[in-house]
Amino acid sequence: MVPLPRLVLAGLFALGLAACANAPAAPGPDLSPPPPRVDAKTQLEYGAPPRGPRY
């Protein structure tokens, strides 16, 4: 007869394996380029970009 703790651990392992097998795949890395940087001269020439709401 199998000892109870070993049976419980085997059940938990099986549950964990089933949960990982049914999990959706992780999304890939974001490969889009970062937004362009705005320097002080550009802000003076074209105006500063609009600020978002402050909560």
Protein backbone atom coordinates (compact mmCIF):
# COMPACT_ATOMS: atom_id res chain seq x y z
CA MET A 1 0.00 0.00 0.00
CA VAL A 2 1.26 3.49 -0.91
CA PRO A 3 1.77 5.88 2.02
CA LEU A 4 -0.69 8.75 2.12
CA PRO A 5 1.86 11.63 1.88
CA ARG A 6 3.39 10.12 -1.25
CA LEU A 7 -0.06 9.76 -2.81
CA VAL A 8 -0.93 13.37 -1.95
CA LEU A 9 2.34 14.64 -3.46
CA ALA A 10 1.73 12.63 -6.62
CA GLY A 11 -1.76 14.15 -6.89
CA LEU A 12 -0.43 17.68 -6.44
CA PHE A 13 2.24 17.04 -9.05
CA ALA A 14 -0.37 15.76 -11.49
CA LEU A 15 -2.54 18.83 -10.87
CA GLY A 16 0.40 21.17 -11.45
CA LEU A 17 1.37 19.37 -14.64
CA ALA A 18 -2.20 19.56 -15.95
CA ALA A 19 -2.40 23.29 -15.12
CA CYS A 20 0.84 24.02 -16.97
CA ALA A 21 -0.22 21.96 -19.97
CA ASN A 22 -3.47 23.96 -20.33
CA ALA A 23 -1.93 27.42 -19.78
CA PRO A 24 -1.85 29.79 -22.76
CA ALA A 25 1.53 30.59 -24.25
CA ALA A 26 3.26 33.77 -23.13
CA PRO A 27 3.14 36.66 -25.63
CA GLY A 28 6.28 37.39 -27.59
CA PRO A 29 8.52 40.37 -26.86
CA ASP A 30 7.46 43.81 -28.08
CA LEU A 31 9.73 44.56 -31.04
CA SER A 32 8.29 47.97 -31.92
CA PRO A 33 10.81 50.84 -31.78
CA PRO A 34 10.62 53.24 -28.86
CA PRO A 35 8.88 56.60 -29.45
CA PRO A 36 11.17 59.39 -30.69
CA ARG A 37 12.76 61.53 -28.03
CA VAL A 38 11.81 65.19 -27.90
CA ASP A 39 14.65 67.56 -27.10
CA ALA A 40 14.33 71.13 -25.78
CA LYS A 41 14.86 72.74 -29.19
CA THR A 42 12.04 70.73 -30.74
CA GLN A 43 9.72 71.71 -27.90
CA LEU A 44 10.56 75.38 -28.41
CA GLU A 45 10.02 75.19 -32.18
CA TYR A 46 6.90 73.07 -32.34
CA GLY A 47 5.42 73.42 -28.85
CA ALA A 48 5.37 70.84 -26.12
CA PRO A 49 3.19 67.76 -26.67
CA PRO A 50 -0.15 67.89 -24.84
CA ARG A 51 -0.04 66.68 -21.28
CA GLY A 52 -2.30 63.95 -20.08
CA PRO A 53 -4.86 64.48 -17.35
CA ARG A 54 -3.55 64.64 -13.81
CA TYR A 55 -5.55 62.52 -11.43
